[in-house]
Amino acid sequence: MLNRINDPDDLETVTPLECKAHPGYYIIPGHKNYVINRNGDVIRLSDGFSPKIYTEVTGYKTVRMKVGNSKTQVRVHRLLGEVFV
């Protein structure tokens, strides 16, 4: 017999933390120097720069972000999921 997992009543509601300097943009957990809006636009907080969004050959949108001393490419849909889901 299967038990019901993922009962909506058991799920915790998390409210995204909105950035005061950029209304409509929300802080990305794990990337505190970056914010994202619901359309997937990203802004770097340190200088207000909006990094270019690239499209992979697979169709996924990605953005290059600096994490510590290294740069990494992150898929935008994952960032949206971290913030809003």
PDB file of N, CA and C in Angstrom:
ATOM      1  N   MET A   1       0.845  -1.171   0.000  1.00  0.00           N
ATOM      2  CA  MET A   1       0.000   0.000   0.000  1.00  0.00           C
ATOM      3  C   MET A   1       0.898   1.245   0.000  1.00  0.00           C
ATOM      4  N   LEU A   2       0.545   2.207  -0.816  1.00  0.00           N
ATOM      5  CA  LEU A   2       1.312   3.434  -0.907  1.00  0.00           C
ATOM      6  C   LEU A   2       0.765   4.477   0.055  1.00  0.00           C
ATOM      7  N   ASN A   3       1.648   5.128   0.751  1.00  0.00           N
ATOM      8  CA  ASN A   3       1.255   6.250   1.594  1.00  0.00           C
ATOM      9  C   ASN A   3       1.358   7.525   0.783  1.00  0.00           C
ATOM     10  N   ARG A   4       0.530   8.478   1.108  1.00  0.00           N
ATOM     11  CA  ARG A   4       0.571   9.748   0.400  1.00  0.00           C
ATOM     12  C   ARG A   4       1.747  10.568   0.930  1.00  0.00           C
ATOM     13  N   ILE A   5       2.671  10.890   0.045  1.00  0.00           N
ATOM     14  CA  ILE A   5       3.777  11.774   0.402  1.00  0.00           C
ATOM     15  C   ILE A   5       3.522  13.102  -0.283  1.00  0.00           C
ATOM     16  N   ASN A   6       4.062  14.147   0.058  1.00  0.00           N
ATOM     17  CA  ASN A   6       3.830  15.449  -0.565  1.00  0.00           C
ATOM     18  C   ASN A   6       2.400  15.943  -0.353  1.00  0.00           C
ATOM     19  N   ASP A   7       1.833  15.697   0.803  1.00  0.00           N
ATOM     20  CA  ASP A   7       0.522  16.255   1.131  1.00  0.00           C
ATOM     21  C   ASP A   7       0.670  17.772   1.216  1.00  0.00           C
ATOM     22  N   PRO A   8      -0.114  18.544   0.466  1.00  0.00           N
ATOM     23  CA  PRO A   8       0.026  20.002   0.485  1.00  0.00           C
ATOM     24  C   PRO A   8      -0.056  20.610   1.882  1.00  0.00           C
ATOM     25  N   ASP A   9      -0.762  19.984   2.787  1.00  0.00           N
ATOM     26  CA  ASP A   9      -0.860  20.506   4.149  1.00  0.00           C
ATOM     27  C   ASP A   9       0.451  20.352   4.916  1.00  0.00           C
ATOM     28  N   ASP A  10       1.311  19.443   4.467  1.00  0.00           N
ATOM     29  CA  ASP A  10       2.584  19.199   5.138  1.00  0.00           C
ATOM     30  C   ASP A  10       3.721  20.065   4.606  1.00  0.00           C
ATOM     31  N   LEU A  11       3.482  20.750   3.483  1.00  0.00           N
ATOM     32  CA  LEU A  11       4.539  21.538   2.863  1.00  0.00           C
ATOM     33  C   LEU A  11       4.692  22.889   3.539  1.00  0.00           C
ATOM     34  N   GLU A  12       5.914  23.311   3.675  1.00  0.00           N
ATOM     35  CA  GLU A  12       6.223  24.600   4.281  1.00  0.00           C
ATOM     36  C   GLU A  12       6.140  25.684   3.212  1.00  0.00           C
ATOM     37  N   THR A  13       5.503  26.799   3.528  1.00  0.00           N
ATOM     38  CA  THR A  13       5.417  27.918   2.601  1.00  0.00           C
ATOM     39  C   THR A  13       6.605  28.837   2.832  1.00  0.00           C
ATOM     40  N   VAL A  14       7.336  29.115   1.765  1.00  0.00           N
ATOM     41  CA  VAL A  14       8.497  29.988   1.856  1.00  0.00           C
ATOM     42  C   VAL A  14       8.208  31.239   1.036  1.00  0.00           C
ATOM     43  N   THR A  15       8.360  32.395   1.660  1.00  0.00           N
ATOM     44  CA  THR A  15       8.135  33.653   0.972  1.00  0.00           C
ATOM     45  C   THR A  15       9.479  34.188   0.480  1.00  0.00           C
ATOM     46  N   PRO A  16       9.593  34.486  -0.821  1.00  0.00           N
ATOM     47  CA  PRO A  16      10.854  35.027  -1.332  1.00  0.00           C
ATOM     48  C   PRO A  16      11.175  36.367  -0.674  1.00  0.00           C
ATOM     49  N   LEU A  17      12.464  36.637  -0.482  1.00  0.00           N
ATOM     50  CA  LEU A  17      12.920  37.872   0.152  1.00  0.00           C
ATOM     51  C   LEU A  17      13.175  38.917  -0.926  1.00  0.00           C
ATOM     52  N   GLU A  18      12.327  39.954  -0.945  1.00  0.00           N
ATOM     53  CA  GLU A  18      12.436  40.997  -1.968  1.00  0.00           C
ATOM     54  C   GLU A  18      13.585  41.938  -1.642  1.00  0.00           C
ATOM     55  N   CYS A  19      14.278  42.384  -2.676  1.00  0.00           N
ATOM     56  CA  CYS A  19      15.394  43.314  -2.536  1.00  0.00           C
ATOM     57  C   CYS A  19      14.842  44.739  -2.435  1.00  0.00           C
ATOM     58  N   LYS A  20      15.230  45.465  -1.401  1.00  0.00           N
ATOM     59  CA  LYS A  20      14.734  46.829  -1.205  1.00  0.00           C
ATOM     60  C   LYS A  20      15.286  47.786  -2.255  1.00  0.00           C
ATOM     61  N   ALA A  21      16.519  47.567  -2.713  1.00  0.00           N
ATOM     62  CA  ALA A  21      17.135  48.445  -3.699  1.00  0.00           C
ATOM     63  C   ALA A  21      16.558  48.251  -5.101  1.00  0.00           C
ATOM     64  N   HIS A  22      16.004  47.061  -5.362  1.00  0.00           N
ATOM     65  CA  HIS A  22      15.447  46.736  -6.680  1.00  0.00           C
ATOM     66  C   HIS A  22      14.067  46.100  -6.483  1.00  0.00           C
ATOM     67  N   PRO A  23      13.009  46.912  -6.351  1.00  0.00           N
ATOM     68  CA  PRO A  23      11.660  46.352  -6.163  1.00  0.00           C
ATOM     69  C   PRO A  23      11.279  45.404  -7.307  1.00  0.00           C
ATOM     70  N   GLY A  24      10.655  44.292  -6.952  1.00  0.00           N
ATOM     71  CA  GLY A  24      10.278  43.288  -7.941  1.00  0.00           C
ATOM     72  C   GLY A  24      11.351  42.243  -8.176  1.00  0.00           C
ATOM     73  N   TYR A  25      12.521  42.428  -7.562  1.00  0.00           N
ATOM     74  CA  TYR A  25      13.617  41.464  -7.652  1.00  0.00           C
ATOM     75  C   TYR A  25      13.794  40.799  -6.290  1.00  0.00           C
ATOM     76  N   TYR A  26      14.180  39.535  -6.309  1.00  0.00           N
ATOM     77  CA  TYR A  26      14.265  38.745  -5.083  1.00  0.00           C
ATOM     78  C   TYR A  26      15.662  38.149  -4.944  1.00  0.00           C
ATOM     79  N   ILE A  27      16.147  38.083  -3.709  1.00  0.00           N
ATOM     80  CA  ILE A  27      17.481  37.562  -3.419  1.00  0.00           C
ATOM     81  C   ILE A  27      17.511  36.054  -3.698  1.00  0.00           C
ATOM     82  N   ILE A  28      18.567  35.617  -4.380  1.00  0.00           N
ATOM     83  CA  ILE A  28      18.725  34.211  -4.736  1.00  0.00           C
ATOM     84  C   ILE A  28      19.480  33.509  -3.608  1.00  0.00           C
ATOM     85  N   PRO A  29      18.878  32.515  -2.952  1.00  0.00           N
ATOM     86  CA  PRO A  29      19.584  31.790  -1.895  1.00  0.00           C
ATOM     87  C   PRO A  29      20.867  31.147  -2.437  1.00  0.00           C
ATOM     88  N   GLY A  30      21.962  31.321  -1.714  1.00  0.00           N
ATOM     89  CA  GLY A  30      23.239  30.779  -2.144  1.00  0.00           C
ATOM     90  C   GLY A  30      24.004  31.707  -3.076  1.00  0.00           C
ATOM     91  N   HIS A  31      23.348  32.761  -3.541  1.00  0.00           N
ATOM     92  CA  HIS A  31      23.965  33.749  -4.427  1.00  0.00           C
ATOM     93  C   HIS A  31      23.550  35.127  -3.926  1.00  0.00           C
ATOM     94  N   LYS A  32      23.986  35.485  -2.734  1.00  0.00           N
ATOM     95  CA  LYS A  32      23.497  36.690  -2.050  1.00  0.00           C
ATOM     96  C   LYS A  32      23.824  37.989  -2.781  1.00  0.00           C
ATOM     97  N   ASN A  33      24.762  37.957  -3.727  1.00  0.00           N
ATOM     98  CA  ASN A  33      25.118  39.162  -4.466  1.00  0.00           C
ATOM     99  C   ASN A  33      24.267  39.332  -5.729  1.00  0.00           C
ATOM    100  N   TYR A  34      23.309  38.430  -5.947  1.00  0.00           N
ATOM    101  CA  TYR A  34      22.472  38.481  -7.137  1.00  0.00           C
ATOM    102  C   TYR A  34      20.997  38.455  -6.755  1.00  0.00           C
ATOM    103  N   VAL A  35      20.187  39.134  -7.586  1.00  0.00           N
ATOM    104  CA  VAL A  35      18.730  39.105  -7.421  1.00  0.00           C
ATOM    105  C   VAL A  35      18.108  38.743  -8.762  1.00  0.00           C
ATOM    106  N   ILE A  36      16.883  38.218  -8.719  1.00  0.00           N
ATOM    107  CA  ILE A  36      16.193  37.790  -9.934  1.00  0.00           C
ATOM    108  C   ILE A  36      14.731  38.192  -9.837  1.00  0.00           C
ATOM    109  N   ASN A  37      14.111  38.511 -10.976  1.00  0.00           N
ATOM    110  CA  ASN A  37      12.678  38.793 -10.965  1.00  0.00           C
ATOM    111  C   ASN A  37      11.931  37.599 -11.547  1.00  0.00           C
ATOM    112  N   ARG A  38      10.617  37.691 -11.602  1.00  0.00           N
ATOM    113  CA  ARG A  38       9.803  36.560 -12.056  1.00  0.00           C
ATOM    114  C   ARG A  38       9.964  36.262 -13.544  1.00  0.00           C
ATOM    115  N   ASN A  39      10.541  37.188 -14.301  1.00  0.00           N
ATOM    116  CA  ASN A  39      10.792  36.964 -15.732  1.00  0.00           C
ATOM    117  C   ASN A  39      12.147  36.319 -15.983  1.00  0.00           C
ATOM    118  N   GLY A  40      12.968  36.162 -14.938  1.00  0.00           N
ATOM    119  CA  GLY A  40      14.277  35.550 -15.079  1.00  0.00           C
ATOM    120  C   GLY A  40      15.398  36.543 -15.333  1.00  0.00           C
ATOM    121  N   ASP A  41      15.124  37.834 -15.187  1.00  0.00           N
ATOM    122  CA  ASP A  41      16.171  38.848 -15.331  1.00  0.00           C
ATOM    123  C   ASP A  41      17.009  38.879 -14.054  1.00  0.00           C
ATOM    124  N   VAL A  42      18.325  38.905 -14.206  1.00  0.00           N
ATOM    125  CA  VAL A  42      19.247  38.840 -13.072  1.00  0.00           C
ATOM    126  C   VAL A  42      20.011  40.151 -12.963  1.00  0.00           C
ATOM    127  N   ILE A  43      20.238  40.615 -11.728  1.00  0.00           N
ATOM    128  CA  ILE A  43      21.036  41.815 -11.462  1.00  0.00           C
ATOM    129  C   ILE A  43      22.058  41.476 -10.387  1.00  0.00           C
ATOM    130  N   ARG A  44      23.313  41.936 -10.607  1.00  0.00           N
ATOM    131  CA  ARG A  44      24.349  41.791  -9.588  1.00  0.00           C
ATOM    132  C   ARG A  44      24.264  43.001  -8.669  1.00  0.00           C
ATOM    133  N   LEU A  45      24.114  42.775  -7.379  1.00  0.00           N
ATOM    134  CA  LEU A  45      23.891  43.855  -6.416  1.00  0.00           C
ATOM    135  C   LEU A  45      25.094  44.761  -6.221  1.00  0.00           C
ATOM    136  N   SER A  46      26.304  44.235  -6.340  1.00  0.00           N
ATOM    137  CA  SER A  46      27.494  45.028  -6.041  1.00  0.00           C
ATOM    138  C   SER A  46      27.639  46.242  -6.952  1.00  0.00           C
ATOM    139  N   ASP A  47      27.198  46.113  -8.214  1.00  0.00           N
ATOM    140  CA  ASP A  47      27.354  47.242  -9.136  1.00  0.00           C
ATOM    141  C   ASP A  47      26.130  47.497 -10.015  1.00  0.00           C
ATOM    142  N   GLY A  48      25.038  46.747  -9.808  1.00  0.00           N
ATOM    143  CA  GLY A  48      23.820  46.957 -10.588  1.00  0.00           C
ATOM    144  C   GLY A  48      23.887  46.400 -12.001  1.00  0.00           C
ATOM    145  N   PHE A  49      24.943  45.633 -12.300  1.00  0.00           N
ATOM    146  CA  PHE A  49      25.134  45.063 -13.633  1.00  0.00           C
ATOM    147  C   PHE A  49      24.144  43.936 -13.884  1.00  0.00           C
ATOM    148  N   SER A  50      23.601  43.894 -15.094  1.00  0.00           N
ATOM    149  CA  SER A  50      22.704  42.814 -15.492  1.00  0.00           C
ATOM    150  C   SER A  50      23.453  41.892 -16.450  1.00  0.00           C
ATOM    151  N   PRO A  51      23.884  40.717 -15.974  1.00  0.00           N
ATOM    152  CA  PRO A  51      24.655  39.817 -16.834  1.00  0.00           C
ATOM    153  C   PRO A  51      23.829  39.323 -18.025  1.00  0.00           C
ATOM    154  N   LYS A  52      24.518  39.054 -19.110  1.00  0.00           N
ATOM    155  CA  LYS A  52      23.859  38.588 -20.326  1.00  0.00           C
ATOM    156  C   LYS A  52      23.285  37.190 -20.119  1.00  0.00           C
ATOM    157  N   ILE A  53      22.080  36.984 -20.666  1.00  0.00           N
ATOM    158  CA  ILE A  53      21.442  35.671 -20.634  1.00  0.00           C
ATOM    159  C   ILE A  53      21.789  34.962 -21.942  1.00  0.00           C
ATOM    160  N   TYR A  54      22.346  33.768 -21.842  1.00  0.00           N
ATOM    161  CA  TYR A  54      22.712  32.965 -22.996  1.00  0.00           C
ATOM    162  C   TYR A  54      21.693  31.845 -23.188  1.00  0.00           C
ATOM    163  N   THR A  55      21.561  31.371 -24.410  1.00  0.00           N
ATOM    164  CA  THR A  55      20.702  30.226 -24.696  1.00  0.00           C
ATOM    165  C   THR A  55      21.583  29.064 -25.127  1.00  0.00           C
ATOM    166  N   GLU A  56      21.508  27.958 -24.386  1.00  0.00           N
ATOM    167  CA  GLU A  56      22.269  26.760 -24.740  1.00  0.00           C
ATOM    168  C   GLU A  56      21.680  26.131 -26.000  1.00  0.00           C
ATOM    169  N   VAL A  57      22.429  25.222 -26.608  1.00  0.00           N
ATOM    170  CA  VAL A  57      21.919  24.524 -27.796  1.00  0.00           C
ATOM    171  C   VAL A  57      20.686  23.692 -27.454  1.00  0.00           C
ATOM    172  N   THR A  58      20.544  23.344 -26.177  1.00  0.00           N
ATOM    173  CA  THR A  58      19.380  22.576 -25.738  1.00  0.00           C
ATOM    174  C   THR A  58      18.155  23.463 -25.518  1.00  0.00           C
ATOM    175  N   GLY A  59      18.350  24.797 -25.586  1.00  0.00           N
ATOM    176  CA  GLY A  59      17.237  25.725 -25.411  1.00  0.00           C
ATOM    177  C   GLY A  59      17.147  26.328 -24.024  1.00  0.00           C
ATOM    178  N   TYR A  60      17.928  25.826 -23.080  1.00  0.00           N
ATOM    179  CA  TYR A  60      17.904  26.361 -21.721  1.00  0.00           C
ATOM    180  C   TYR A  60      18.596  27.722 -21.664  1.00  0.00           C
ATOM    181  N   LYS A  61      18.029  28.640 -20.903  1.00  0.00           N
ATOM    182  CA  LYS A  61      18.629  29.948 -20.679  1.00  0.00           C
ATOM    183  C   LYS A  61      19.624  29.824 -19.536  1.00  0.00           C
ATOM    184  N   THR A  62      20.812  30.419 -19.705  1.00  0.00           N
ATOM    185  CA  THR A  62      21.819  30.379 -18.656  1.00  0.00           C
ATOM    186  C   THR A  62      22.381  31.776 -18.430  1.00  0.00           C
ATOM    187  N   VAL A  63      22.980  31.965 -17.271  1.00  0.00           N
ATOM    188  CA  VAL A  63      23.620  33.228 -16.922  1.00  0.00           C
ATOM    189  C   VAL A  63      24.944  32.908 -16.245  1.00  0.00           C
ATOM    190  N   ARG A  64      25.958  33.723 -16.513  1.00  0.00           N
ATOM    191  CA  ARG A  64      27.263  33.533 -15.862  1.00  0.00           C
ATOM    192  C   ARG A  64      27.281  34.348 -14.585  1.00  0.00           C
ATOM    193  N   MET A  65      27.644  33.677 -13.498  1.00  0.00           N
ATOM    194  CA  MET A  65      27.656  34.317 -12.187  1.00  0.00           C
ATOM    195  C   MET A  65      28.989  34.048 -11.510  1.00  0.00           C
ATOM    196  N   LYS A  66      29.432  34.991 -10.713  1.00  0.00           N
ATOM    197  CA  LYS A  66      30.655  34.819  -9.940  1.00  0.00           C
ATOM    198  C   LYS A  66      30.277  34.273  -8.569  1.00  0.00           C
ATOM    199  N   VAL A  67      30.875  33.150  -8.216  1.00  0.00           N
ATOM    200  CA  VAL A  67      30.648  32.520  -6.920  1.00  0.00           C
ATOM    201  C   VAL A  67      32.015  32.376  -6.265  1.00  0.00           C
ATOM    202  N   GLY A  68      32.263  33.170  -5.226  1.00  0.00           N
ATOM    203  CA  GLY A  68      33.583  33.176  -4.604  1.00  0.00           C
ATOM    204  C   GLY A  68      34.583  33.784  -5.566  1.00  0.00           C
ATOM    205  N   ASN A  69      35.642  33.053  -5.875  1.00  0.00           N
ATOM    206  CA  ASN A  69      36.658  33.544  -6.806  1.00  0.00           C
ATOM    207  C   ASN A  69      36.513  32.946  -8.198  1.00  0.00           C
ATOM    208  N   SER A  70      35.482  32.139  -8.417  1.00  0.00           N
ATOM    209  CA  SER A  70      35.317  31.501  -9.723  1.00  0.00           C
ATOM    210  C   SER A  70      33.996  31.904 -10.363  1.00  0.00           C
ATOM    211  N   LYS A  71      33.975  31.820 -11.685  1.00  0.00           N
ATOM    212  CA  LYS A  71      32.756  32.100 -12.434  1.00  0.00           C
ATOM    213  C   LYS A  71      32.102  30.778 -12.797  1.00  0.00           C
ATOM    214  N   THR A  72      30.780  30.762 -12.771  1.00  0.00           N
ATOM    215  CA  THR A  72      30.045  29.555 -13.110  1.00  0.00           C
ATOM    216  C   THR A  72      28.847  29.922 -13.958  1.00  0.00           C
ATOM    217  N   GLN A  73      28.389  28.983 -14.755  1.00  0.00           N
ATOM    218  CA  GLN A  73      27.227  29.194 -15.593  1.00  0.00           C
ATOM    219  C   GLN A  73      26.063  28.434 -14.960  1.00  0.00           C
ATOM    220  N   VAL A  74      24.959  29.146 -14.718  1.00  0.00           N
ATOM    221  CA  VAL A  74      23.814  28.568 -14.018  1.00  0.00           C
ATOM    222  C   VAL A  74      22.578  28.707 -14.898  1.00  0.00           C
ATOM    223  N   ARG A  75      21.770  27.674 -14.938  1.00  0.00           N
ATOM    224  CA  ARG A  75      20.525  27.747 -15.698  1.00  0.00           C
ATOM    225  C   ARG A  75      19.515  28.621 -14.953  1.00  0.00           C
ATOM    226  N   VAL A  76      18.881  29.510 -15.703  1.00  0.00           N
ATOM    227  CA  VAL A  76      17.972  30.494 -15.119  1.00  0.00           C
ATOM    228  C   VAL A  76      16.774  29.814 -14.462  1.00  0.00           C
ATOM    229  N   HIS A  77      16.255  28.737 -15.046  1.00  0.00           N
ATOM    230  CA  HIS A  77      15.090  28.080 -14.459  1.00  0.00           C
ATOM    231  C   HIS A  77      15.416  27.499 -13.075  1.00  0.00           C
ATOM    232  N   ARG A  78      16.660  27.115 -12.854  1.00  0.00           N
ATOM    233  CA  ARG A  78      17.055  26.626 -11.519  1.00  0.00           C
ATOM    234  C   ARG A  78      17.059  27.749 -10.505  1.00  0.00           C
ATOM    235  N   LEU A  79      17.537  28.924 -10.924  1.00  0.00           N
ATOM    236  CA  LEU A  79      17.535  30.077 -10.028  1.00  0.00           C
ATOM    237  C   LEU A  79      16.105  30.467  -9.678  1.00  0.00           C
ATOM    238  N   LEU A  80      15.222  30.458 -10.669  1.00  0.00           N
ATOM    239  CA  LEU A  80      13.813  30.766 -10.417  1.00  0.00           C
ATOM    240  C   LEU A  80      13.206  29.747  -9.444  1.00  0.00           C
ATOM    241  N   GLY A  81      13.567  28.499  -9.607  1.00  0.00           N
ATOM    242  CA  GLY A  81      13.072  27.461  -8.703  1.00  0.00           C
ATOM    243  C   GLY A  81      13.567  27.648  -7.290  1.00  0.00           C
ATOM    244  N   GLU A  82      14.837  28.049  -7.130  1.00  0.00           N
ATOM    245  CA  GLU A  82      15.387  28.278  -5.787  1.00  0.00           C
ATOM    246  C   GLU A  82      14.660  29.407  -5.077  1.00  0.00           C
ATOM    247  N   VAL A  83      14.234  30.403  -5.834  1.00  0.00           N
ATOM    248  CA  VAL A  83      13.607  31.576  -5.219  1.00  0.00           C
ATOM    249  C   VAL A  83      12.108  31.375  -5.011  1.00  0.00           C
ATOM    250  N   PHE A  84      11.418  30.883  -6.011  1.00  0.00           N
ATOM    251  CA  PHE A  84       9.951  30.905  -5.994  1.00  0.00           C
ATOM    252  C   PHE A  84       9.265  29.584  -5.717  1.00  0.00           C
ATOM    253  N   VAL A  85      10.008  28.475  -5.736  1.00  0.00           N
ATOM    254  CA  VAL A  85       9.345  27.174  -5.508  1.00  0.00           C
ATOM    255  C   VAL A  85       9.727  26.642  -4.156  1.00  0.00           C
TER     256      VAL A  85
END
